[in-house]
Amino acid sequence: MRRSVFCALPIVTGLGLALPANAYSADPGTPRQVAACKVDALRLCPLDIPDTRLVEACMQRRVADLSPACRDTVQGK
């Protein structure tokens, strides 16, 4: 069954997405980090939601496909 983007949106909003690899934590991430990467997470890694670590790993693998703001967040800039 395919997941709906609208069902995943509240989950993604609360996750700490695309933190640098050394910043894994239980924290949901800053509002800036979530805002920068929420759309990219839904677009590039929808099947990994809601597992934060899987989403972060997916975004690390697909860093070239990320939006500029999200790429900066993932790369820790």
PDB file of N, CA and C in Angstrom:
ATOM      1  N   MET A   1       0.841  -1.172   0.000  1.00  0.00           N
ATOM      2  CA  MET A   1       0.000   0.000   0.000  1.00  0.00           C
ATOM      3  C   MET A   1       0.889   1.240   0.000  1.00  0.00           C
ATOM      4  N   ARG A   2       0.629   2.159  -0.869  1.00  0.00           N
ATOM      5  CA  ARG A   2       1.436   3.377  -0.993  1.00  0.00           C
ATOM      6  C   ARG A   2       1.028   4.384   0.077  1.00  0.00           C
ATOM      7  N   ARG A   3       2.010   4.968   0.704  1.00  0.00           N
ATOM      8  CA  ARG A   3       1.740   5.950   1.751  1.00  0.00           C
ATOM      9  C   ARG A   3       1.362   7.287   1.137  1.00  0.00           C
ATOM     10  N   SER A   4       0.438   7.932   1.747  1.00  0.00           N
ATOM     11  CA  SER A   4       0.029   9.260   1.292  1.00  0.00           C
ATOM     12  C   SER A   4       0.961  10.316   1.860  1.00  0.00           C
ATOM     13  N   VAL A   5       1.332  11.260   1.031  1.00  0.00           N
ATOM     14  CA  VAL A   5       2.185  12.359   1.484  1.00  0.00           C
ATOM     15  C   VAL A   5       1.481  13.128   2.588  1.00  0.00           C
ATOM     16  N   PHE A   6       0.177  13.294   2.472  1.00  0.00           N
ATOM     17  CA  PHE A   6      -0.560  14.047   3.479  1.00  0.00           C
ATOM     18  C   PHE A   6      -0.582  13.329   4.820  1.00  0.00           C
ATOM     19  N   CYS A   7      -0.583  12.005   4.823  1.00  0.00           N
ATOM     20  CA  CYS A   7      -0.527  11.262   6.077  1.00  0.00           C
ATOM     21  C   CYS A   7       0.849  11.379   6.711  1.00  0.00           C
ATOM     22  N   ALA A   8       1.881  11.464   5.908  1.00  0.00           N
ATOM     23  CA  ALA A   8       3.249  11.520   6.420  1.00  0.00           C
ATOM     24  C   ALA A   8       3.638  12.919   6.871  1.00  0.00           C
ATOM     25  N   LEU A   9       2.968  13.940   6.391  1.00  0.00           N
ATOM     26  CA  LEU A   9       3.361  15.316   6.686  1.00  0.00           C
ATOM     27  C   LEU A   9       3.448  15.606   8.177  1.00  0.00           C
ATOM     28  N   PRO A  10       2.450  15.255   9.000  1.00  0.00           N
ATOM     29  CA  PRO A  10       2.596  15.522  10.429  1.00  0.00           C
ATOM     30  C   PRO A  10       3.766  14.762  11.053  1.00  0.00           C
ATOM     31  N   ILE A  11       4.038  13.588  10.572  1.00  0.00           N
ATOM     32  CA  ILE A  11       5.150  12.796  11.091  1.00  0.00           C
ATOM     33  C   ILE A  11       6.465  13.473  10.737  1.00  0.00           C
ATOM     34  N   VAL A  12       6.613  13.890   9.497  1.00  0.00           N
ATOM     35  CA  VAL A  12       7.847  14.518   9.043  1.00  0.00           C
ATOM     36  C   VAL A  12       8.071  15.838   9.761  1.00  0.00           C
ATOM     37  N   THR A  13       7.014  16.581  10.001  1.00  0.00           N
ATOM     38  CA  THR A  13       7.141  17.873  10.648  1.00  0.00           C
ATOM     39  C   THR A  13       7.758  17.733  12.030  1.00  0.00           C
ATOM     40  N   GLY A  14       7.486  16.639  12.719  1.00  0.00           N
ATOM     41  CA  GLY A  14       7.993  16.449  14.062  1.00  0.00           C
ATOM     42  C   GLY A  14       9.343  15.769  14.135  1.00  0.00           C
ATOM     43  N   LEU A  15       9.867  15.307  13.042  1.00  0.00           N
ATOM     44  CA  LEU A  15      11.136  14.587  13.060  1.00  0.00           C
ATOM     45  C   LEU A  15      12.317  15.513  12.901  1.00  0.00           C
ATOM     46  N   GLY A  16      13.439  15.101  13.438  1.00  0.00           N
ATOM     47  CA  GLY A  16      14.684  15.841  13.233  1.00  0.00           C
ATOM     48  C   GLY A  16      15.325  15.333  11.966  1.00  0.00           C
ATOM     49  N   LEU A  17      14.962  15.895  10.847  1.00  0.00           N
ATOM     50  CA  LEU A  17      15.429  15.386   9.567  1.00  0.00           C
ATOM     51  C   LEU A  17      16.720  16.037   9.138  1.00  0.00           C
ATOM     52  N   ALA A  18      17.541  15.242   8.504  1.00  0.00           N
ATOM     53  CA  ALA A  18      18.744  15.721   7.827  1.00  0.00           C
ATOM     54  C   ALA A  18      19.731  16.401   8.750  1.00  0.00           C
ATOM     55  N   LEU A  19      19.879  15.886   9.934  1.00  0.00           N
ATOM     56  CA  LEU A  19      20.935  16.397  10.799  1.00  0.00           C
ATOM     57  C   LEU A  19      22.260  15.827  10.325  1.00  0.00           C
ATOM     58  N   PRO A  20      23.335  16.538  10.553  1.00  0.00           N
ATOM     59  CA  PRO A  20      24.630  15.959  10.208  1.00  0.00           C
ATOM     60  C   PRO A  20      24.813  14.633  10.932  1.00  0.00           C
ATOM     61  N   ALA A  21      25.603  13.741  10.376  1.00  0.00           N
ATOM     62  CA  ALA A  21      25.751  12.397  10.915  1.00  0.00           C
ATOM     63  C   ALA A  21      26.179  12.395  12.385  1.00  0.00           C
ATOM     64  N   ASN A  22      26.965  13.366  12.806  1.00  0.00           N
ATOM     65  CA  ASN A  22      27.410  13.387  14.196  1.00  0.00           C
ATOM     66  C   ASN A  22      26.392  14.029  15.125  1.00  0.00           C
ATOM     67  N   ALA A  23      25.232  14.388  14.634  1.00  0.00           N
ATOM     68  CA  ALA A  23      24.238  15.064  15.457  1.00  0.00           C
ATOM     69  C   ALA A  23      22.994  14.218  15.692  1.00  0.00           C
ATOM     70  N   TYR A  24      23.080  12.914  15.527  1.00  0.00           N
ATOM     71  CA  TYR A  24      21.936  12.051  15.798  1.00  0.00           C
ATOM     72  C   TYR A  24      21.540  12.199  17.255  1.00  0.00           C
ATOM     73  N   SER A  25      20.258  12.398  17.492  1.00  0.00           N
ATOM     74  CA  SER A  25      19.777  12.502  18.857  1.00  0.00           C
ATOM     75  C   SER A  25      18.277  12.282  18.853  1.00  0.00           C
ATOM     76  N   ALA A  26      17.716  12.279  20.049  1.00  0.00           N
ATOM     77  CA  ALA A  26      16.267  12.134  20.177  1.00  0.00           C
ATOM     78  C   ALA A  26      15.563  13.455  19.913  1.00  0.00           C
ATOM     79  N   ASP A  27      16.323  14.546  19.814  1.00  0.00           N
ATOM     80  CA  ASP A  27      15.741  15.846  19.531  1.00  0.00           C
ATOM     81  C   ASP A  27      15.056  15.839  18.178  1.00  0.00           C
ATOM     82  N   PRO A  28      13.923  16.537  18.076  1.00  0.00           N
ATOM     83  CA  PRO A  28      13.226  16.581  16.787  1.00  0.00           C
ATOM     84  C   PRO A  28      13.877  17.508  15.774  1.00  0.00           C
ATOM     85  N   GLY A  29      14.938  18.187  16.112  1.00  0.00           N
ATOM     86  CA  GLY A  29      15.562  19.122  15.181  1.00  0.00           C
ATOM     87  C   GLY A  29      14.972  20.502  15.360  1.00  0.00           C
ATOM     88  N   THR A  30      15.696  21.489  14.893  1.00  0.00           N
ATOM     89  CA  THR A  30      15.203  22.854  15.016  1.00  0.00           C
ATOM     90  C   THR A  30      14.123  23.099  13.968  1.00  0.00           C
ATOM     91  N   PRO A  31      13.270  24.075  14.209  1.00  0.00           N
ATOM     92  CA  PRO A  31      12.262  24.404  13.185  1.00  0.00           C
ATOM     93  C   PRO A  31      12.907  24.738  11.841  1.00  0.00           C
ATOM     94  N   ARG A  32      14.093  25.373  11.865  1.00  0.00           N
ATOM     95  CA  ARG A  32      14.796  25.710  10.620  1.00  0.00           C
ATOM     96  C   ARG A  32      15.204  24.446   9.873  1.00  0.00           C
ATOM     97  N   GLN A  33      15.723  23.445  10.600  1.00  0.00           N
ATOM     98  CA  GLN A  33      16.139  22.193   9.966  1.00  0.00           C
ATOM     99  C   GLN A  33      14.948  21.457   9.374  1.00  0.00           C
ATOM    100  N   VAL A  34      13.870  21.382  10.134  1.00  0.00           N
ATOM    101  CA  VAL A  34      12.671  20.696   9.647  1.00  0.00           C
ATOM    102  C   VAL A  34      12.120  21.415   8.428  1.00  0.00           C
ATOM    103  N   ALA A  35      12.040  22.744   8.485  1.00  0.00           N
ATOM    104  CA  ALA A  35      11.512  23.513   7.357  1.00  0.00           C
ATOM    105  C   ALA A  35      12.379  23.345   6.114  1.00  0.00           C
ATOM    106  N   ALA A  36      13.685  23.283   6.307  1.00  0.00           N
ATOM    107  CA  ALA A  36      14.602  23.173   5.170  1.00  0.00           C
ATOM    108  C   ALA A  36      14.489  21.827   4.473  1.00  0.00           C
ATOM    109  N   CYS A  37      14.140  20.769   5.204  1.00  0.00           N
ATOM    110  CA  CYS A  37      14.243  19.421   4.637  1.00  0.00           C
ATOM    111  C   CYS A  37      12.943  18.636   4.547  1.00  0.00           C
ATOM    112  N   LYS A  38      11.867  19.157   5.066  1.00  0.00           N
ATOM    113  CA  LYS A  38      10.624  18.388   5.088  1.00  0.00           C
ATOM    114  C   LYS A  38      10.159  18.008   3.679  1.00  0.00           C
ATOM    115  N   VAL A  39      10.178  18.940   2.755  1.00  0.00           N
ATOM    116  CA  VAL A  39       9.727  18.659   1.386  1.00  0.00           C
ATOM    117  C   VAL A  39      10.655  17.650   0.709  1.00  0.00           C
ATOM    118  N   ASP A  40      11.964  17.804   0.920  1.00  0.00           N
ATOM    119  CA  ASP A  40      12.923  16.864   0.330  1.00  0.00           C
ATOM    120  C   ASP A  40      12.735  15.465   0.899  1.00  0.00           C
ATOM    121  N   ALA A  41      12.474  15.364   2.201  1.00  0.00           N
ATOM    122  CA  ALA A  41      12.253  14.054   2.813  1.00  0.00           C
ATOM    123  C   ALA A  41      11.025  13.383   2.214  1.00  0.00           C
ATOM    124  N   LEU A  42       9.970  14.127   2.051  1.00  0.00           N
ATOM    125  CA  LEU A  42       8.747  13.563   1.461  1.00  0.00           C
ATOM    126  C   LEU A  42       8.966  13.160   0.003  1.00  0.00           C
ATOM    127  N   ARG A  43       9.760  13.939  -0.709  1.00  0.00           N
ATOM    128  CA  ARG A  43       9.986  13.683  -2.133  1.00  0.00           C
ATOM    129  C   ARG A  43      10.976  12.542  -2.358  1.00  0.00           C
ATOM    130  N   LEU A  44      12.056  12.509  -1.593  1.00  0.00           N
ATOM    131  CA  LEU A  44      13.151  11.580  -1.868  1.00  0.00           C
ATOM    132  C   LEU A  44      13.127  10.309  -1.015  1.00  0.00           C
ATOM    133  N   CYS A  45      12.537  10.376   0.168  1.00  0.00           N
ATOM    134  CA  CYS A  45      12.647   9.257   1.113  1.00  0.00           C
ATOM    135  C   CYS A  45      11.309   8.894   1.761  1.00  0.00           C
ATOM    136  N   PRO A  46      10.218   8.900   1.028  1.00  0.00           N
ATOM    137  CA  PRO A  46       8.913   8.689   1.665  1.00  0.00           C
ATOM    138  C   PRO A  46       8.752   7.320   2.322  1.00  0.00           C
ATOM    139  N   LEU A  47       9.399   6.307   1.814  1.00  0.00           N
ATOM    140  CA  LEU A  47       9.233   4.969   2.385  1.00  0.00           C
ATOM    141  C   LEU A  47      10.012   4.792   3.687  1.00  0.00           C
ATOM    142  N   ASP A  48      10.917   5.724   3.989  1.00  0.00           N
ATOM    143  CA  ASP A  48      11.693   5.650   5.226  1.00  0.00           C
ATOM    144  C   ASP A  48      11.001   6.358   6.386  1.00  0.00           C
ATOM    145  N   ILE A  49      10.000   7.146   6.094  1.00  0.00           N
ATOM    146  CA  ILE A  49       9.249   7.858   7.123  1.00  0.00           C
ATOM    147  C   ILE A  49       8.373   6.838   7.839  1.00  0.00           C
ATOM    148  N   PRO A  50       8.339   6.794   9.152  1.00  0.00           N
ATOM    149  CA  PRO A  50       8.743   7.780  10.150  1.00  0.00           C
ATOM    150  C   PRO A  50      10.079   7.488  10.842  1.00  0.00           C
ATOM    151  N   ASP A  51      10.876   6.574  10.349  1.00  0.00           N
ATOM    152  CA  ASP A  51      12.142   6.228  11.007  1.00  0.00           C
ATOM    153  C   ASP A  51      13.189   7.312  10.724  1.00  0.00           C
ATOM    154  N   THR A  52      13.475   8.127  11.718  1.00  0.00           N
ATOM    155  CA  THR A  52      14.364   9.278  11.558  1.00  0.00           C
ATOM    156  C   THR A  52      15.737   8.879  11.033  1.00  0.00           C
ATOM    157  N   ARG A  53      16.301   7.818  11.575  1.00  0.00           N
ATOM    158  CA  ARG A  53      17.640   7.398  11.143  1.00  0.00           C
ATOM    159  C   ARG A  53      17.644   6.951   9.677  1.00  0.00           C
ATOM    160  N   LEU A  54      16.600   6.260   9.247  1.00  0.00           N
ATOM    161  CA  LEU A  54      16.524   5.858   7.838  1.00  0.00           C
ATOM    162  C   LEU A  54      16.382   7.077   6.931  1.00  0.00           C
ATOM    163  N   VAL A  55      15.579   8.036   7.340  1.00  0.00           N
ATOM    164  CA  VAL A  55      15.408   9.262   6.544  1.00  0.00           C
ATOM    165  C   VAL A  55      16.735  10.003   6.456  1.00  0.00           C
ATOM    166  N   GLU A  56      17.427  10.126   7.582  1.00  0.00           N
ATOM    167  CA  GLU A  56      18.716  10.819   7.580  1.00  0.00           C
ATOM    168  C   GLU A  56      19.722  10.107   6.678  1.00  0.00           C
ATOM    169  N   ALA A  57      19.757   8.773   6.741  1.00  0.00           N
ATOM    170  CA  ALA A  57      20.678   8.010   5.888  1.00  0.00           C
ATOM    171  C   ALA A  57      20.319   8.180   4.419  1.00  0.00           C
ATOM    172  N   CYS A  58      19.035   8.154   4.113  1.00  0.00           N
ATOM    173  CA  CYS A  58      18.576   8.342   2.731  1.00  0.00           C
ATOM    174  C   CYS A  58      19.001   9.715   2.217  1.00  0.00           C
ATOM    175  N   MET A  59      18.836  10.722   3.038  1.00  0.00           N
ATOM    176  CA  MET A  59      19.169  12.073   2.606  1.00  0.00           C
ATOM    177  C   MET A  59      20.681  12.245   2.464  1.00  0.00           C
ATOM    178  N   GLN A  60      21.452  11.567   3.280  1.00  0.00           N
ATOM    179  CA  GLN A  60      22.914  11.593   3.119  1.00  0.00           C
ATOM    180  C   GLN A  60      23.309  10.973   1.771  1.00  0.00           C
ATOM    181  N   ARG A  61      22.646   9.857   1.423  1.00  0.00           N
ATOM    182  CA  ARG A  61      22.933   9.193   0.138  1.00  0.00           C
ATOM    183  C   ARG A  61      22.515  10.052  -1.048  1.00  0.00           C
ATOM    184  N   ARG A  62      21.459  10.818  -0.879  1.00  0.00           N
ATOM    185  CA  ARG A  62      20.897  11.588  -1.995  1.00  0.00           C
ATOM    186  C   ARG A  62      21.209  13.074  -1.881  1.00  0.00           C
ATOM    187  N   VAL A  63      22.306  13.407  -1.229  1.00  0.00           N
ATOM    188  CA  VAL A  63      22.645  14.800  -0.965  1.00  0.00           C
ATOM    189  C   VAL A  63      22.686  15.641  -2.243  1.00  0.00           C
ATOM    190  N   ALA A  64      23.078  15.070  -3.353  1.00  0.00           N
ATOM    191  CA  ALA A  64      23.139  15.813  -4.619  1.00  0.00           C
ATOM    192  C   ALA A  64      21.746  16.201  -5.120  1.00  0.00           C
ATOM    193  N   ASP A  65      20.708  15.505  -4.662  1.00  0.00           N
ATOM    194  CA  ASP A  65      19.341  15.770  -5.111  1.00  0.00           C
ATOM    195  C   ASP A  65      18.582  16.716  -4.183  1.00  0.00           C
ATOM    196  N   LEU A  66      19.195  17.120  -3.076  1.00  0.00           N
ATOM    197  CA  LEU A  66      18.514  17.956  -2.091  1.00  0.00           C
ATOM    198  C   LEU A  66      18.452  19.414  -2.542  1.00  0.00           C
ATOM    199  N   SER A  67      17.471  20.123  -2.006  1.00  0.00           N
ATOM    200  CA  SER A  67      17.402  21.563  -2.242  1.00  0.00           C
ATOM    201  C   SER A  67      18.615  22.214  -1.573  1.00  0.00           C
ATOM    202  N   PRO A  68      19.014  23.398  -2.027  1.00  0.00           N
ATOM    203  CA  PRO A  68      20.192  24.044  -1.442  1.00  0.00           C
ATOM    204  C   PRO A  68      20.104  24.228   0.074  1.00  0.00           C
ATOM    205  N   ALA A  69      18.964  24.645   0.589  1.00  0.00           N
ATOM    206  CA  ALA A  69      18.823  24.862   2.036  1.00  0.00           C
ATOM    207  C   ALA A  69      18.958  23.557   2.807  1.00  0.00           C
ATOM    208  N   CYS A  70      18.355  22.509   2.306  1.00  0.00           N
ATOM    209  CA  CYS A  70      18.442  21.209   2.966  1.00  0.00           C
ATOM    210  C   CYS A  70      19.860  20.648   2.847  1.00  0.00           C
ATOM    211  N   ARG A  71      20.475  20.817   1.699  1.00  0.00           N
ATOM    212  CA  ARG A  71      21.845  20.329   1.509  1.00  0.00           C
ATOM    213  C   ARG A  71      22.784  20.967   2.535  1.00  0.00           C
ATOM    214  N   ASP A  72      22.619  22.277   2.768  1.00  0.00           N
ATOM    215  CA  ASP A  72      23.444  22.952   3.769  1.00  0.00           C
ATOM    216  C   ASP A  72      23.209  22.360   5.164  1.00  0.00           C
ATOM    217  N   THR A  73      21.954  22.039   5.475  1.00  0.00           N
ATOM    218  CA  THR A  73      21.628  21.447   6.767  1.00  0.00           C
ATOM    219  C   THR A  73      22.255  20.066   6.910  1.00  0.00           C
ATOM    220  N   VAL A  74      22.137  19.247   5.871  1.00  0.00           N
ATOM    221  CA  VAL A  74      22.675  17.893   5.902  1.00  0.00           C
ATOM    222  C   VAL A  74      24.198  17.933   6.028  1.00  0.00           C
ATOM    223  N   GLN A  75      24.816  18.865   5.362  1.00  0.00           N
ATOM    224  CA  GLN A  75      26.276  18.958   5.381  1.00  0.00           C
ATOM    225  C   GLN A  75      26.792  19.748   6.579  1.00  0.00           C
ATOM    226  N   GLY A  76      25.885  20.203   7.439  1.00  0.00           N
ATOM    227  CA  GLY A  76      26.281  20.886   8.659  1.00  0.00           C
ATOM    228  C   GLY A  76      26.774  22.299   8.472  1.00  0.00           C
ATOM    229  N   LYS A  77      26.338  22.964   7.436  1.00  0.00           N
ATOM    230  CA  LYS A  77      26.767  24.355   7.174  1.00  0.00           C
ATOM    231  C   LYS A  77      25.845  25.342   7.836  1.00  0.00           C
TER     232      LYS A  77
END
